[in-house]
């Protein structure tokens, strides 16, 4: 499956560790350097803004998808005008569906409840066989370790019944994320197996 665009889920706040913003900018730069398009939630603040800035400042293309009611909360209307493509949706459901349609892979940087909800939905759709797109937890400073432990716990307790379809990569080094996605995009996902495999790079 050719990878042409990467959807990035992340916080609209900067977080307390400066490494989160730095990772956002670095990921954006890497996306642009590999000639891929960023698909994201349209925010211009926090980590979301850092990712978009990283892409745009390095000559890349950005599609922002944001519901009308969040425009003034997660962005400024002036800065939204700098995006190559802006899609304003009616609600959150339409936003998430449009992001899924436009993306060939998904990366989750640090964020809050909304970020968590977005990647969990994508993992759920993978488990249900609705897609085979690469999924990555950008585990900056071990941010996602509690989530990964929970996934392991759920698997061990028998609640991830099609676990072979839910195999997100876990990558701590931002520079390795896009190459890993491109490599996975060239391979066919496994068609059988009993245990979910969380690949840590």
N, C-alpha and C. Protein backbone atom coordinates (compact mmCIF):
# COMPACT_ATOMS: atom_id res chain seq x y z
N UNK A 1 0.85 -1.20 0.00
CA UNK A 1 0.00 0.00 0.00
C UNK A 1 0.88 1.25 0.00
N UNK A 2 0.80 2.07 -1.03
CA UNK A 2 1.64 3.27 -1.05
C UNK A 2 1.22 4.26 0.04
N UNK A 3 2.20 4.84 0.69
CA UNK A 3 1.95 5.84 1.73
C UNK A 3 2.15 7.23 1.13
N UNK A 4 1.09 7.99 1.11
CA UNK A 4 1.15 9.35 0.58
C UNK A 4 0.85 10.40 1.63
N UNK A 5 0.17 9.98 2.69
CA UNK A 5 -0.20 10.94 3.73
C UNK A 5 -0.17 10.27 5.10
N UNK A 6 0.13 11.05 6.11
CA UNK A 6 0.18 10.55 7.48
C UNK A 6 -0.71 11.41 8.35
N UNK A 7 -1.62 10.79 9.06
CA UNK A 7 -2.46 11.49 10.02
C UNK A 7 -1.75 11.50 11.37
N UNK A 8 -1.66 12.67 11.98
CA UNK A 8 -1.02 12.79 13.29
C UNK A 8 -2.06 13.24 14.31
N UNK A 9 -2.20 12.43 15.35
CA UNK A 9 -3.04 12.78 16.50
C UNK A 9 -2.12 13.29 17.61
N UNK A 10 -2.50 14.39 18.24
CA UNK A 10 -1.67 14.93 19.32
C UNK A 10 -2.42 16.03 20.05
N UNK A 11 -1.83 16.51 21.11
CA UNK A 11 -2.48 17.50 21.95
C UNK A 11 -2.50 18.90 21.36
N UNK A 12 -3.56 19.64 21.68
CA UNK A 12 -3.65 21.04 21.29
C UNK A 12 -2.97 21.93 22.33
N UNK A 13 -2.46 21.30 23.40
CA UNK A 13 -1.65 21.96 24.42
C UNK A 13 -0.19 21.53 24.25
N UNK A 14 0.75 22.31 24.76
CA UNK A 14 2.16 21.95 24.60
C UNK A 14 2.64 20.85 25.53
N UNK A 15 1.91 20.63 26.64
CA UNK A 15 2.39 19.68 27.62
C UNK A 15 3.50 20.29 28.47
N UNK A 16 3.90 19.58 29.50
CA UNK A 16 4.88 20.13 30.44
C UNK A 16 6.33 19.86 30.04
N UNK A 17 6.54 18.86 29.20
CA UNK A 17 7.90 18.52 28.78
C UNK A 17 8.18 19.16 27.43
N UNK A 18 9.19 20.01 27.33
CA UNK A 18 9.53 20.65 26.04
C UNK A 18 9.81 19.63 24.93
N UNK A 19 10.13 18.40 25.31
CA UNK A 19 10.43 17.37 24.32
C UNK A 19 9.22 17.06 23.45
N UNK A 20 8.01 17.30 23.96
CA UNK A 20 6.81 17.02 23.18
C UNK A 20 6.69 17.95 21.97
N UNK A 21 6.92 19.24 22.22
CA UNK A 21 6.87 20.21 21.13
C UNK A 21 8.00 19.95 20.14
N UNK A 22 9.17 19.66 20.65
CA UNK A 22 10.32 19.36 19.80
C UNK A 22 10.04 18.15 18.92
N UNK A 23 9.40 17.14 19.50
CA UNK A 23 9.06 15.94 18.73
C UNK A 23 8.05 16.26 17.65
N UNK A 24 7.09 17.13 17.96
CA UNK A 24 6.10 17.53 16.96
C UNK A 24 6.75 18.21 15.77
N UNK A 25 7.65 19.14 16.04
CA UNK A 25 8.34 19.83 14.94
C UNK A 25 9.19 18.86 14.13
N UNK A 26 9.89 17.98 14.83
CA UNK A 26 10.77 17.03 14.14
C UNK A 26 9.97 16.06 13.27
N UNK A 27 8.82 15.62 13.77
CA UNK A 27 7.98 14.73 12.97
C UNK A 27 7.47 15.44 11.73
N UNK A 28 7.04 16.70 11.91
CA UNK A 28 6.59 17.48 10.77
C UNK A 28 7.67 17.64 9.72
N UNK A 29 8.88 17.92 10.17
CA UNK A 29 10.02 18.06 9.24
C UNK A 29 10.26 16.76 8.49
N UNK A 30 10.17 15.64 9.19
CA UNK A 30 10.40 14.33 8.57
C UNK A 30 9.32 14.01 7.55
N UNK A 31 8.07 14.34 7.87
CA UNK A 31 6.97 14.11 6.93
C UNK A 31 7.22 14.87 5.64
N UNK A 32 7.63 16.15 5.78
CA UNK A 32 7.90 16.98 4.60
C UNK A 32 9.10 16.44 3.82
N UNK A 33 10.13 16.03 4.54
CA UNK A 33 11.35 15.56 3.89
C UNK A 33 11.11 14.31 3.06
N UNK A 34 10.13 13.52 3.44
CA UNK A 34 9.82 12.30 2.70
C UNK A 34 8.73 12.51 1.65
N UNK A 35 8.36 13.78 1.44
CA UNK A 35 7.40 14.10 0.39
C UNK A 35 5.98 13.65 0.67
N UNK A 36 5.63 13.55 1.97
CA UNK A 36 4.29 13.11 2.34
C UNK A 36 3.45 14.28 2.81
N UNK A 37 2.15 14.09 2.80
CA UNK A 37 1.22 15.13 3.25
C UNK A 37 0.80 14.86 4.69
N UNK A 38 0.75 15.90 5.49
CA UNK A 38 0.24 15.81 6.85
C UNK A 38 -1.27 15.99 6.84
N UNK A 39 -1.96 15.07 7.48
CA UNK A 39 -3.39 15.21 7.75
C UNK A 39 -3.52 15.30 9.26
N UNK A 40 -4.16 16.34 9.75
CA UNK A 40 -4.26 16.49 11.20
C UNK A 40 -5.49 17.32 11.56
N UNK A 41 -5.66 17.52 12.85
CA UNK A 41 -6.88 18.15 13.34
C UNK A 41 -7.03 19.64 13.15
N UNK A 42 -6.10 20.26 12.44
CA UNK A 42 -6.27 21.66 12.07
C UNK A 42 -5.84 22.67 13.09
N UNK A 43 -5.53 22.25 14.31
CA UNK A 43 -5.14 23.19 15.35
C UNK A 43 -3.79 23.83 15.07
N UNK A 44 -3.63 25.06 15.51
CA UNK A 44 -2.36 25.76 15.30
C UNK A 44 -1.69 26.09 16.63
N UNK A 45 -2.18 25.47 17.70
CA UNK A 45 -1.60 25.68 19.01
C UNK A 45 -1.03 24.35 19.53
N UNK A 46 -0.20 24.43 20.54
CA UNK A 46 0.32 23.24 21.18
C UNK A 46 1.12 22.34 20.25
N UNK A 47 1.07 21.05 20.52
CA UNK A 47 1.82 20.10 19.71
C UNK A 47 1.26 20.06 18.29
N UNK A 48 -0.05 20.22 18.15
CA UNK A 48 -0.66 20.23 16.82
C UNK A 48 -0.03 21.32 15.96
N UNK A 49 0.11 22.49 16.52
CA UNK A 49 0.71 23.60 15.79
C UNK A 49 2.16 23.34 15.45
N UNK A 50 2.87 22.66 16.36
CA UNK A 50 4.29 22.36 16.13
C UNK A 50 4.46 21.40 14.95
N UNK A 51 3.60 20.39 14.87
CA UNK A 51 3.68 19.45 13.76
C UNK A 51 3.43 20.16 12.43
N UNK A 52 2.36 20.95 12.38
CA UNK A 52 2.02 21.66 11.15
C UNK A 52 3.14 22.62 10.75
N UNK A 53 3.69 23.34 11.73
CA UNK A 53 4.78 24.28 11.45
C UNK A 53 6.00 23.55 10.92
N UNK A 54 6.27 22.36 11.49
CA UNK A 54 7.40 21.58 11.03
C UNK A 54 7.27 21.16 9.58
N UNK A 55 6.04 20.85 9.16
CA UNK A 55 5.81 20.48 7.77
C UNK A 55 5.91 21.70 6.86
N UNK A 56 5.19 22.75 7.21
CA UNK A 56 5.11 23.93 6.35
C UNK A 56 6.46 24.63 6.20
N UNK A 57 7.23 24.69 7.27
CA UNK A 57 8.53 25.39 7.22
C UNK A 57 9.56 24.60 6.42
N UNK A 58 9.24 23.37 6.09
CA UNK A 58 10.15 22.55 5.30
C UNK A 58 9.56 22.21 3.93
N UNK A 59 8.60 23.02 3.51
CA UNK A 59 8.07 22.91 2.15
C UNK A 59 7.06 21.80 1.93
N UNK A 60 6.51 21.25 3.03
CA UNK A 60 5.55 20.17 2.91
C UNK A 60 4.12 20.66 2.78
N UNK A 61 3.20 19.73 2.60
CA UNK A 61 1.79 20.04 2.42
C UNK A 61 0.98 19.58 3.62
N UNK A 62 -0.02 20.38 3.97
CA UNK A 62 -0.81 20.13 5.18
C UNK A 62 -2.30 20.23 4.89
N UNK A 63 -3.03 19.21 5.33
CA UNK A 63 -4.49 19.26 5.31
C UNK A 63 -4.97 19.32 6.75
N UNK A 64 -5.63 20.40 7.11
CA UNK A 64 -6.19 20.55 8.44
C UNK A 64 -7.69 20.27 8.40
N UNK A 65 -8.17 19.47 9.35
CA UNK A 65 -9.59 19.13 9.40
C UNK A 65 -10.10 19.45 10.79
N UNK A 66 -11.01 20.40 10.89
CA UNK A 66 -11.42 20.89 12.20
C UNK A 66 -12.92 21.21 12.21
N UNK A 67 -13.62 20.86 13.27
CA UNK A 67 -15.04 21.24 13.35
C UNK A 67 -15.17 22.72 13.67
N UNK A 68 -16.21 23.32 13.20
CA UNK A 68 -16.42 24.76 13.34
C UNK A 68 -16.30 25.21 14.80
N UNK A 69 -16.88 24.46 15.73
CA UNK A 69 -16.91 24.91 17.12
C UNK A 69 -15.54 24.91 17.80
N UNK A 70 -14.55 24.26 17.17
CA UNK A 70 -13.22 24.22 17.76
C UNK A 70 -12.24 25.21 17.13
N UNK A 71 -12.68 25.90 16.09
CA UNK A 71 -11.76 26.78 15.36
C UNK A 71 -11.08 27.78 16.29
N UNK A 72 -11.84 28.44 17.13
CA UNK A 72 -11.26 29.47 17.98
C UNK A 72 -10.64 28.91 19.26
N UNK A 73 -10.88 27.64 19.54
CA UNK A 73 -10.28 27.01 20.72
C UNK A 73 -8.91 26.42 20.42
N UNK A 74 -8.78 25.78 19.28
CA UNK A 74 -7.55 25.07 18.94
C UNK A 74 -6.71 25.78 17.90
N UNK A 75 -7.20 26.90 17.39
CA UNK A 75 -6.46 27.58 16.32
C UNK A 75 -6.81 29.06 16.31
N UNK A 76 -6.14 29.78 15.43
CA UNK A 76 -6.52 31.15 15.12
C UNK A 76 -6.89 31.18 13.65
N UNK A 77 -7.90 31.94 13.31
CA UNK A 77 -8.38 31.93 11.92
C UNK A 77 -7.31 32.43 10.95
N UNK A 78 -6.46 33.34 11.42
CA UNK A 78 -5.38 33.83 10.55
C UNK A 78 -4.39 32.71 10.24
N UNK A 79 -3.98 31.97 11.26
CA UNK A 79 -2.98 30.91 11.05
C UNK A 79 -3.55 29.76 10.24
N UNK A 80 -4.85 29.53 10.34
CA UNK A 80 -5.47 28.47 9.54
C UNK A 80 -5.33 28.77 8.04
N UNK A 81 -5.24 30.05 7.72
CA UNK A 81 -5.11 30.44 6.32
C UNK A 81 -3.78 30.03 5.71
N UNK A 82 -2.83 29.64 6.54
CA UNK A 82 -1.51 29.23 6.04
C UNK A 82 -1.48 27.77 5.59
N UNK A 83 -2.52 27.01 5.93
CA UNK A 83 -2.55 25.60 5.55
C UNK A 83 -2.86 25.46 4.06
N UNK A 84 -2.33 24.40 3.45
CA UNK A 84 -2.59 24.17 2.03
C UNK A 84 -4.05 23.84 1.79
N UNK A 85 -4.63 23.11 2.73
CA UNK A 85 -6.03 22.70 2.60
C UNK A 85 -6.67 22.73 3.97
N UNK A 86 -7.82 23.34 4.06
CA UNK A 86 -8.56 23.41 5.32
C UNK A 86 -9.97 22.90 5.09
N UNK A 87 -10.36 21.91 5.89
CA UNK A 87 -11.70 21.35 5.82
C UNK A 87 -12.38 21.60 7.16
N UNK A 88 -13.47 22.35 7.15
CA UNK A 88 -14.22 22.63 8.37
C UNK A 88 -15.45 21.72 8.36
N UNK A 89 -15.55 20.89 9.39
CA UNK A 89 -16.65 19.92 9.46
C UNK A 89 -17.73 20.38 10.42
N UNK A 90 -18.85 19.69 10.35
CA UNK A 90 -19.99 20.04 11.18
C UNK A 90 -19.78 19.61 12.63
N UNK A 91 -19.13 18.47 12.83
CA UNK A 91 -18.95 17.97 14.19
C UNK A 91 -17.72 17.08 14.27
N UNK A 92 -17.45 16.54 15.46
CA UNK A 92 -16.28 15.71 15.69
C UNK A 92 -16.34 14.40 14.91
N UNK A 93 -17.52 13.82 14.78
CA UNK A 93 -17.64 12.56 14.07
C UNK A 93 -17.23 12.72 12.61
N UNK A 94 -17.69 13.79 11.99
CA UNK A 94 -17.35 14.05 10.60
C UNK A 94 -15.85 14.32 10.47
N UNK A 95 -15.29 15.02 11.45
CA UNK A 95 -13.85 15.30 11.42
C UNK A 95 -13.05 14.01 11.43
N UNK A 96 -13.37 13.12 12.36
CA UNK A 96 -12.60 11.88 12.50
C UNK A 96 -12.74 11.01 11.25
N UNK A 97 -13.94 10.95 10.70
CA UNK A 97 -14.14 10.13 9.51
C UNK A 97 -13.35 10.68 8.33
N UNK A 98 -13.35 12.00 8.19
CA UNK A 98 -12.62 12.63 7.09
C UNK A 98 -11.11 12.43 7.26
N UNK A 99 -10.61 12.50 8.49
CA UNK A 99 -9.19 12.28 8.74
C UNK A 99 -8.82 10.84 8.36
N UNK A 100 -9.68 9.90 8.71
CA UNK A 100 -9.43 8.50 8.37
C UNK A 100 -9.38 8.31 6.86
N UNK A 101 -10.32 8.92 6.15
CA UNK A 101 -10.38 8.78 4.70
C UNK A 101 -9.13 9.34 4.02
N UNK A 102 -8.62 10.45 4.54
CA UNK A 102 -7.51 11.14 3.89
C UNK A 102 -6.15 10.56 4.23
N UNK A 103 -6.07 9.69 5.24
CA UNK A 103 -4.77 9.23 5.74
C UNK A 103 -4.43 7.81 5.30
N UNK A 104 -3.14 7.58 5.06
CA UNK A 104 -2.64 6.24 4.74
C UNK A 104 -1.94 5.60 5.94
N UNK A 105 -1.73 6.37 7.01
CA UNK A 105 -1.09 5.87 8.22
C UNK A 105 -1.42 6.83 9.36
N UNK A 106 -1.19 6.37 10.60
CA UNK A 106 -1.56 7.16 11.77
C UNK A 106 -0.42 7.17 12.79
N UNK A 107 -0.12 8.36 13.29
CA UNK A 107 0.89 8.52 14.34
C UNK A 107 0.27 9.27 15.50
N UNK A 108 0.52 8.79 16.70
CA UNK A 108 -0.01 9.44 17.89
C UNK A 108 1.12 9.97 18.76
N UNK A 109 1.22 11.27 18.83
CA UNK A 109 2.15 11.95 19.73
C UNK A 109 1.45 12.13 21.08
N UNK A 110 2.17 12.60 22.10
CA UNK A 110 1.51 12.86 23.38
C UNK A 110 0.30 13.77 23.26
N UNK A 111 -0.69 13.51 24.08
CA UNK A 111 -1.92 14.31 24.07
C UNK A 111 -2.83 13.86 25.19
N UNK A 112 -4.04 14.38 25.19
CA UNK A 112 -4.98 14.09 26.26
C UNK A 112 -6.07 13.11 25.85
N UNK A 113 -7.24 13.28 26.45
CA UNK A 113 -8.33 12.35 26.25
C UNK A 113 -8.76 12.29 24.78
N UNK A 114 -8.82 13.44 24.12
CA UNK A 114 -9.22 13.45 22.72
C UNK A 114 -8.26 12.68 21.84
N UNK A 115 -6.95 12.86 22.09
CA UNK A 115 -5.93 12.15 21.34
C UNK A 115 -6.05 10.65 21.56
N UNK A 116 -6.25 10.27 22.81
CA UNK A 116 -6.41 8.86 23.15
C UNK A 116 -7.62 8.26 22.46
N UNK A 117 -8.72 8.99 22.47
CA UNK A 117 -9.96 8.50 21.86
C UNK A 117 -9.77 8.28 20.36
N UNK A 118 -9.01 9.16 19.72
CA UNK A 118 -8.82 9.06 18.28
C UNK A 118 -8.03 7.81 17.90
N UNK A 119 -6.92 7.56 18.58
CA UNK A 119 -6.11 6.39 18.21
C UNK A 119 -6.80 5.10 18.63
N UNK A 120 -7.54 5.10 19.73
CA UNK A 120 -8.25 3.90 20.13
C UNK A 120 -9.31 3.53 19.10
N UNK A 121 -9.97 4.53 18.54
CA UNK A 121 -10.97 4.24 17.50
C UNK A 121 -10.31 3.63 16.27
N UNK A 122 -9.15 4.14 15.89
CA UNK A 122 -8.44 3.59 14.74
C UNK A 122 -8.00 2.16 15.02
N UNK A 123 -7.56 1.88 16.24
CA UNK A 123 -7.19 0.52 16.61
C UNK A 123 -8.41 -0.40 16.61
N UNK A 124 -9.55 0.12 17.05
CA UNK A 124 -10.78 -0.66 17.04
C UNK A 124 -11.17 -1.03 15.61
N UNK A 125 -11.09 -0.06 14.71
CA UNK A 125 -11.43 -0.34 13.31
C UNK A 125 -10.48 -1.37 12.70
N UNK A 126 -9.20 -1.33 13.11
CA UNK A 126 -8.25 -2.33 12.64
C UNK A 126 -8.65 -3.71 13.13
N UNK A 127 -9.04 -3.80 14.41
CA UNK A 127 -9.45 -5.08 14.99
C UNK A 127 -10.68 -5.65 14.28
N UNK A 128 -11.55 -4.76 13.81
CA UNK A 128 -12.76 -5.17 13.11
C UNK A 128 -12.51 -5.42 11.62
N UNK A 129 -11.26 -5.27 11.21
CA UNK A 129 -10.92 -5.55 9.82
C UNK A 129 -11.28 -4.45 8.85
N UNK A 130 -11.48 -3.23 9.36
CA UNK A 130 -11.89 -2.14 8.48
C UNK A 130 -10.72 -1.45 7.78
N UNK A 131 -9.50 -1.68 8.26
CA UNK A 131 -8.33 -1.12 7.58
C UNK A 131 -7.09 -1.88 7.99
N UNK A 132 -6.02 -1.71 7.20
CA UNK A 132 -4.72 -2.32 7.49
C UNK A 132 -3.63 -1.25 7.43
N UNK A 133 -3.99 -0.02 7.75
CA UNK A 133 -3.05 1.09 7.69
C UNK A 133 -2.11 1.06 8.89
N UNK A 134 -0.84 1.43 8.67
CA UNK A 134 0.12 1.46 9.79
C UNK A 134 -0.33 2.39 10.90
N UNK A 135 -0.07 1.97 12.14
CA UNK A 135 -0.40 2.77 13.33
C UNK A 135 0.85 2.85 14.20
N UNK A 136 1.16 4.05 14.69
CA UNK A 136 2.38 4.25 15.48
C UNK A 136 2.08 5.04 16.75
N UNK A 137 2.57 4.53 17.86
CA UNK A 137 2.62 5.33 19.09
C UNK A 137 3.99 5.96 19.15
N UNK A 138 4.06 7.29 19.04
CA UNK A 138 5.32 8.01 19.20
C UNK A 138 5.56 8.14 20.71
N UNK A 139 6.34 7.24 21.25
CA UNK A 139 6.46 7.08 22.70
C UNK A 139 7.54 8.01 23.26
N UNK A 140 7.29 9.29 23.15
CA UNK A 140 8.25 10.31 23.58
C UNK A 140 8.43 10.27 25.10
N UNK A 141 9.64 9.98 25.55
CA UNK A 141 9.90 9.93 26.98
C UNK A 141 9.06 8.91 27.72
N UNK A 142 8.62 7.86 27.01
CA UNK A 142 7.80 6.83 27.64
C UNK A 142 6.37 7.26 27.91
N UNK A 143 5.92 8.32 27.24
CA UNK A 143 4.59 8.88 27.50
C UNK A 143 3.48 7.83 27.41
N UNK A 144 3.57 6.94 26.43
CA UNK A 144 2.49 5.99 26.18
C UNK A 144 2.66 4.66 26.93
N UNK A 145 3.65 4.54 27.78
CA UNK A 145 3.87 3.29 28.49
C UNK A 145 2.64 2.80 29.26
N UNK A 146 1.93 3.67 30.00
CA UNK A 146 0.73 3.19 30.72
C UNK A 146 -0.33 2.65 29.77
N UNK A 147 -0.50 3.29 28.62
CA UNK A 147 -1.47 2.82 27.63
C UNK A 147 -1.06 1.46 27.07
N UNK A 148 0.21 1.30 26.78
CA UNK A 148 0.71 0.04 26.23
C UNK A 148 0.58 -1.08 27.25
N UNK A 149 0.78 -0.76 28.52
CA UNK A 149 0.58 -1.76 29.58
C UNK A 149 -0.88 -2.19 29.64
N UNK A 150 -1.78 -1.22 29.46
CA UNK A 150 -3.20 -1.53 29.48
C UNK A 150 -3.59 -2.44 28.31
N UNK A 151 -3.04 -2.16 27.14
CA UNK A 151 -3.32 -3.01 25.98
C UNK A 151 -2.85 -4.44 26.25
N UNK A 152 -1.66 -4.57 26.81
CA UNK A 152 -1.14 -5.89 27.15
C UNK A 152 -2.05 -6.59 28.15
N UNK A 153 -2.51 -5.84 29.15
CA UNK A 153 -3.41 -6.39 30.16
C UNK A 153 -4.72 -6.87 29.52
N UNK A 154 -5.29 -6.07 28.64
CA UNK A 154 -6.53 -6.45 27.97
C UNK A 154 -6.34 -7.70 27.13
N UNK A 155 -5.20 -7.78 26.44
CA UNK A 155 -4.91 -8.95 25.63
C UNK A 155 -4.79 -10.20 26.51
N UNK A 156 -4.05 -10.07 27.61
CA UNK A 156 -3.85 -11.21 28.49
C UNK A 156 -5.15 -11.68 29.14
N UNK A 157 -6.10 -10.76 29.29
CA UNK A 157 -7.39 -11.11 29.89
C UNK A 157 -8.42 -11.57 28.85
N UNK A 158 -7.97 -11.67 27.60
CA UNK A 158 -8.83 -12.23 26.57
C UNK A 158 -9.81 -11.29 25.92
N UNK A 159 -9.55 -9.98 25.98
CA UNK A 159 -10.50 -9.03 25.42
C UNK A 159 -10.10 -8.45 24.07
N UNK A 160 -8.94 -8.83 23.57
CA UNK A 160 -8.56 -8.41 22.21
C UNK A 160 -8.55 -9.68 21.38
N UNK A 161 -9.74 -10.04 20.90
CA UNK A 161 -9.95 -11.35 20.31
C UNK A 161 -9.40 -11.49 18.90
N UNK A 162 -9.15 -10.39 18.23
CA UNK A 162 -8.52 -10.46 16.90
C UNK A 162 -7.22 -9.66 16.95
N UNK A 163 -6.41 -10.04 17.94
CA UNK A 163 -5.23 -9.25 18.29
C UNK A 163 -4.22 -9.14 17.15
N UNK A 164 -4.22 -10.11 16.24
CA UNK A 164 -3.26 -10.05 15.14
C UNK A 164 -3.53 -8.87 14.21
N UNK A 165 -4.72 -8.29 14.31
CA UNK A 165 -5.05 -7.12 13.49
C UNK A 165 -4.69 -5.80 14.17
N UNK A 166 -4.32 -5.89 15.44
CA UNK A 166 -3.99 -4.67 16.21
C UNK A 166 -2.52 -4.74 16.60
N UNK A 167 -1.68 -4.23 15.72
CA UNK A 167 -0.24 -4.31 15.94
C UNK A 167 0.42 -2.96 15.73
N UNK A 168 0.16 -2.00 16.60
CA UNK A 168 0.80 -0.69 16.45
C UNK A 168 2.29 -0.77 16.71
N UNK A 169 3.02 0.02 15.97
CA UNK A 169 4.44 0.17 16.25
C UNK A 169 4.60 1.13 17.41
N UNK A 170 5.61 0.92 18.22
CA UNK A 170 5.92 1.83 19.32
C UNK A 170 7.34 2.32 19.10
N UNK A 171 7.48 3.59 18.81
CA UNK A 171 8.78 4.15 18.42
C UNK A 171 9.08 5.39 19.26
N UNK A 172 10.20 5.37 19.93
CA UNK A 172 10.58 6.49 20.79
C UNK A 172 11.35 7.57 20.04
N UNK A 173 12.08 7.19 19.01
CA UNK A 173 12.89 8.13 18.23
C UNK A 173 12.07 8.66 17.05
N UNK A 174 11.78 9.93 17.07
CA UNK A 174 10.93 10.53 16.04
C UNK A 174 11.49 10.33 14.64
N UNK A 175 12.81 10.37 14.52
CA UNK A 175 13.43 10.24 13.20
C UNK A 175 13.15 8.88 12.56
N UNK A 176 12.79 7.89 13.35
CA UNK A 176 12.57 6.54 12.82
C UNK A 176 11.11 6.29 12.42
N UNK A 177 10.22 7.21 12.75
CA UNK A 177 8.80 6.96 12.56
C UNK A 177 8.40 6.86 11.08
N UNK A 178 8.70 7.89 10.31
CA UNK A 178 8.29 7.89 8.90
C UNK A 178 8.94 6.74 8.12
N UNK A 179 10.26 6.51 8.26
CA UNK A 179 10.85 5.35 7.57
C UNK A 179 10.16 4.03 7.94
N UNK A 180 9.80 3.86 9.21
CA UNK A 180 9.13 2.63 9.64
C UNK A 180 7.75 2.49 8.99
N UNK A 181 7.05 3.60 8.87
CA UNK A 181 5.73 3.59 8.22
C UNK A 181 5.87 3.23 6.75
N UNK A 182 6.85 3.83 6.08
CA UNK A 182 7.05 3.55 4.66
C UNK A 182 7.43 2.09 4.45
N UNK A 183 8.23 1.55 5.33
CA UNK A 183 8.61 0.14 5.23
C UNK A 183 7.40 -0.77 5.44
N UNK A 184 6.58 -0.44 6.44
CA UNK A 184 5.40 -1.26 6.70
C UNK A 184 4.39 -1.16 5.57
N UNK A 185 4.32 0.01 4.95
CA UNK A 185 3.39 0.20 3.85
C UNK A 185 3.71 -0.68 2.66
N UNK A 186 4.97 -1.10 2.54
CA UNK A 186 5.38 -1.96 1.44
C UNK A 186 5.09 -3.43 1.70
N UNK A 187 4.75 -3.74 2.95
CA UNK A 187 4.52 -5.12 3.33
C UNK A 187 3.02 -5.38 3.50
N UNK A 188 2.63 -6.61 3.33
CA UNK A 188 1.25 -7.00 3.61
C UNK A 188 1.16 -7.36 5.08
N UNK A 189 0.18 -6.83 5.81
CA UNK A 189 0.02 -7.18 7.22
C UNK A 189 -0.23 -8.67 7.38
N UNK A 190 0.16 -9.25 8.53
CA UNK A 190 -0.05 -10.68 8.76
C UNK A 190 -1.53 -11.01 8.75
N UNK A 191 -1.86 -12.21 8.29
CA UNK A 191 -3.27 -12.60 8.17
C UNK A 191 -3.71 -13.57 9.25
N UNK A 192 -2.78 -14.00 10.09
CA UNK A 192 -3.16 -14.93 11.14
C UNK A 192 -2.27 -14.74 12.35
N UNK A 193 -2.70 -15.30 13.48
CA UNK A 193 -1.94 -15.19 14.71
C UNK A 193 -2.88 -14.95 15.86
N UNK A 194 -2.46 -15.30 17.06
CA UNK A 194 -3.34 -15.21 18.21
C UNK A 194 -3.04 -14.02 19.12
N UNK A 195 -1.79 -13.61 19.14
CA UNK A 195 -1.40 -12.57 20.09
C UNK A 195 -1.12 -11.27 19.38
N UNK A 196 -1.53 -10.17 20.01
CA UNK A 196 -1.16 -8.86 19.49
C UNK A 196 0.33 -8.67 19.70
N UNK A 197 0.98 -8.10 18.73
CA UNK A 197 2.41 -7.85 18.87
C UNK A 197 2.62 -6.35 18.87
N UNK A 198 3.16 -5.83 19.93
CA UNK A 198 3.50 -4.41 19.97
C UNK A 198 4.99 -4.32 19.70
N UNK A 199 5.34 -3.79 18.54
CA UNK A 199 6.73 -3.73 18.11
C UNK A 199 7.38 -2.47 18.64
N UNK A 200 8.38 -2.65 19.45
CA UNK A 200 9.09 -1.50 20.02
C UNK A 200 10.40 -1.31 19.29
N UNK A 201 10.59 -0.10 18.73
CA UNK A 201 11.82 0.21 18.03
C UNK A 201 12.62 1.21 18.85
